[in-house]
Structure formats: C-alpha cells, structure tokens
C-alpha atoms as a PDB file:
ATOM      1  CA  MET A   1       0.000   0.000   0.000  1.00  0.00           C
ATOM      2  CA  ASN A   2       1.337   3.389  -0.943  1.00  0.00           C
ATOM      3  CA  ALA A   3       0.114   6.596   0.595  1.00  0.00           C
ATOM      4  CA  THR A   4       1.846   9.145  -1.529  1.00  0.00           C
ATOM      5  CA  GLU A   5       1.050  12.810  -1.155  1.00  0.00           C
ATOM      6  CA  LYS A   6       0.943  15.272  -3.937  1.00  0.00           C
ATOM      7  CA  MET A   7       1.679  18.077  -1.502  1.00  0.00           C
ATOM      8  CA  HIS A   8       5.248  18.381  -0.416  1.00  0.00           C
ATOM      9  CA  VAL A   9       6.359  19.042   3.126  1.00  0.00           C
ATOM     10  CA  GLN A  10       7.099  22.645   2.390  1.00  0.00           C
ATOM     11  CA  GLY A  11       6.228  24.820   5.344  1.00  0.00           C
ATOM     12  CA  ARG A  12       5.076  21.978   7.591  1.00  0.00           C
ATOM     13  CA  GLY A  13       8.438  21.496   9.282  1.00  0.00           C
ATOM     14  CA  GLY A  14       8.450  25.133  10.325  1.00  0.00           C
ATOM     15  CA  PHE A  15       4.979  24.759  11.850  1.00  0.00           C
ATOM     16  CA  TYR A  16       6.012  21.751  13.919  1.00  0.00           C
ATOM     17  CA  GLU A  17       9.242  23.427  14.958  1.00  0.00           C
ATOM     18  CA  GLN A  18       7.412  26.609  15.919  1.00  0.00           C
ATOM     19  CA  THR A  19       4.757  24.827  17.989  1.00  0.00           C
ATOM     20  CA  GLY A  20       7.297  22.528  19.655  1.00  0.00           C
ATOM     21  CA  ALA A  21       5.548  19.360  18.484  1.00  0.00           C
ATOM     22  CA  ILE A  22       8.782  17.706  17.375  1.00  0.00           C
ATOM     23  CA  ARG A  23      10.394  18.346  20.750  1.00  0.00           C
ATOM     24  CA  ASP A  24       7.329  16.943  22.550  1.00  0.00           C
ATOM     25  CA  VAL A  25       7.333  13.800  20.413  1.00  0.00           C
ATOM     26  CA  ILE A  26      11.016  13.184  21.042  1.00  0.00           C
ATOM     27  CA  GLN A  27      10.702  13.849  24.791  1.00  0.00           C
ATOM     28  CA  ASN A  28       7.682  11.555  25.124  1.00  0.00           C
ATOM     29  CA  HIS A  29       9.348   8.801  23.123  1.00  0.00           C
ATOM     30  CA  LEU A  30      12.543   8.995  25.180  1.00  0.00           C
ATOM     31  CA  PHE A  31      10.497   8.956  28.404  1.00  0.00           C
ATOM     32  CA  GLN A  32       8.621   5.846  27.243  1.00  0.00           C
ATOM     33  CA  VAL A  33      11.875   4.079  26.383  1.00  0.00           C
ATOM     34  CA  LEU A  34      13.396   5.064  29.749  1.00  0.00           C
ATOM     35  CA  THR A  35      10.291   3.845  31.594  1.00  0.00           C
ATOM     36  CA  ASN A  36      10.380   0.483  29.838  1.00  0.00           C
ATOM     37  CA  LEU A  37      14.090   0.091  30.574  1.00  0.00           C
ATOM     38  CA  ALA A  38      13.571   0.954  34.247  1.00  0.00           C
ATOM     39  CA  LEU A  39      10.532  -1.256  34.797  1.00  0.00           C
ATOM     40  CA  GLU A  40      11.924  -4.395  33.199  1.00  0.00           C
ATOM     41  CA  PRO A  41      14.475  -5.094  35.970  1.00  0.00           C
ATOM     42  CA  ALA A  42      11.806  -4.440  38.605  1.00  0.00           C
ATOM     43  CA  TRP A  43       9.515  -7.066  37.081  1.00  0.00           C
ATOM     44  CA  ARG A  44      12.366  -9.583  37.075  1.00  0.00           C
ATOM     45  CA  ILE A  45      12.396  -9.217  40.861  1.00  0.00           C
ATOM     46  CA  VAL A  46       8.633  -9.025  41.467  1.00  0.00           C
ATOM     47  CA  ASP A  47       7.415 -11.648  38.999  1.00  0.00           C
ATOM     48  CA  PRO A  48       8.892 -14.712  40.769  1.00  0.00           C
ATOM     49  CA  VAL A  49       7.434 -13.490  44.062  1.00  0.00           C
ATOM     50  CA  LEU A  50       3.983 -13.138  42.531  1.00  0.00           C
ATOM     51  CA  LYS A  51       4.188 -16.591  40.955  1.00  0.00           C
ATOM     52  CA  ALA A  52       5.432 -18.320  44.135  1.00  0.00           C
ATOM     53  CA  ASP A  53       3.078 -20.666  45.953  1.00  0.00           C
ATOM     54  CA  THR A  54       3.435 -18.778  49.207  1.00  0.00           C
ATOM     55  CA  PRO A  55       0.359 -19.170  51.386  1.00  0.00           C
ATOM     56  CA  VAL A  56      -1.621 -16.072  52.264  1.00  0.00           C
ATOM     57  CA  HIS A  57      -2.383 -15.857  55.973  1.00  0.00           C
ATOM     58  CA  GLN A  58      -5.570 -14.150  57.092  1.00  0.00           C
ATOM     59  CA  TYR A  59      -5.409 -11.854  60.084  1.00  0.00           C
ATOM     60  CA  GLU A  60      -7.718  -9.745  62.163  1.00  0.00           C
ATOM     61  CA  ARG A  61      -8.856  -6.467  60.737  1.00  0.00           C
ATOM     62  CA  ASN A  62      -7.100  -3.329  62.061  1.00  0.00           C
ATOM     63  CA  THR A  63      -3.999  -5.272  63.142  1.00  0.00           C
ATOM     64  CA  TRP A  64      -0.480  -5.352  61.758  1.00  0.00           C
ATOM     65  CA  GLY A  65      -0.715  -9.007  60.839  1.00  0.00           C
ATOM     66  CA  PRO A  66      -0.839 -12.474  62.349  1.00  0.00           C
ATOM     67  CA  THR A  67       0.335 -12.608  65.959  1.00  0.00           C
ATOM     68  CA  ASP A  68       2.633 -15.559  65.183  1.00  0.00           C
ATOM     69  CA  VAL A  69       4.586 -13.423  62.750  1.00  0.00           C
ATOM     70  CA  ASP A  70       4.621 -10.482  65.139  1.00  0.00           C
ATOM     71  CA  LYS A  71       6.253 -12.710  67.759  1.00  0.00           C
ATOM     72  CA  LEU A  72       9.004 -13.630  65.286  1.00  0.00           C
ATOM     73  CA  VAL A  73       9.847 -10.157  64.002  1.00  0.00           C
ATOM     74  CA  SER A  74       9.105  -7.832  66.932  1.00  0.00           C
ATOM     75  CA  PRO A  75      12.156  -6.345  68.639  1.00  0.00           C
ATOM     76  CA  ALA A  76      12.740  -6.924  72.333  1.00  0.00           C
ATOM     77  CA  GLY A  77      10.421  -4.590  74.243  1.00  0.00           C
ATOM     78  CA  GLY A  78       7.990  -4.334  71.309  1.00  0.00           C
ATOM     79  CA  TRP A  79       7.721  -1.778  68.533  1.00  0.00           C
ATOM     80  CA  GLN A  80       6.773   1.140  70.775  1.00  0.00           C
ATOM     81  CA  HIS A  81       9.575   0.659  73.367  1.00  0.00           C
ATOM     82  CA  PRO A  82      12.380  -1.417  71.823  1.00  0.00           C
ATOM     83  CA  VAL A  83      15.342  -2.267  74.006  1.00  0.00           C
ATOM     84  CA  ALA A  84      18.808  -3.396  73.066  1.00  0.00           C
ATOM     85  CA  THR A  85      19.656  -6.937  74.020  1.00  0.00           C
ATOM     86  CA  ASP A  86      23.022  -8.647  74.031  1.00  0.00           C
ATOM     87  CA  LYS A  87      25.385  -7.828  71.182  1.00  0.00           C
ATOM     88  CA  SER A  88      24.866 -11.117  69.340  1.00  0.00           C
ATOM     89  CA  GLU A  89      21.132 -10.402  69.076  1.00  0.00           C
ATOM     90  CA  THR A  90      21.635  -6.906  67.589  1.00  0.00           C
ATOM     91  CA  GLU A  91      24.269  -8.160  65.129  1.00  0.00           C
ATOM     92  CA  ARG A  92      21.972 -10.937  63.976  1.00  0.00           C
ATOM     93  CA  CYS A  93      19.181  -8.444  63.194  1.00  0.00           C
ATOM     94  CA  SER A  94      21.300  -5.918  61.301  1.00  0.00           C
END
C-alpha cells in the first residue's frame, strides 16, 4: 500500500518546529523508552514473588498481621519501646 502525497512538506516542518511538536514527540518517546528500561528489571524481581506458591495468611482487621509473625519479628520490648539486648542479638538483626 502506498500513501503518496501530492503536496510536499514545504512549510510543515516550520509549523512543527514553531509549535514545539517535534520536541514533545522526542521527549515523550525517550520517556517511554526510559520507563520500559527501568521497569523491566523491577519485574524480574517481582514476577517470581507473585508466581510463588506462598500461602496467604488471614489476620484480624485493624492489626499489623498475624500474631505468630509479630512474635518472630518484633524487637525486644515491642515496637513502641524497643530495648537493646546482648550484642549477638543486635548483630543478627542488622
């Protein structure tokens, strides 16, 4: 299929240059390419997590999660008043 024009491009380039359309097209295209390049590595990290057969645990509404998990990850003294324990404990957590 040919879509030839009888009109030449005379004068149209000046219009696009004057209105800034060319600059906008180039900026938008470069932004789209940059976005695709930035998001691809992120999906390589997230995709396996989403596809994993990790069970979803239900928990009570208006809580921070299951109490079993809270017992495992809470610092000594709780989240509101944490206290430092022996050095081996703090090194293990950092």
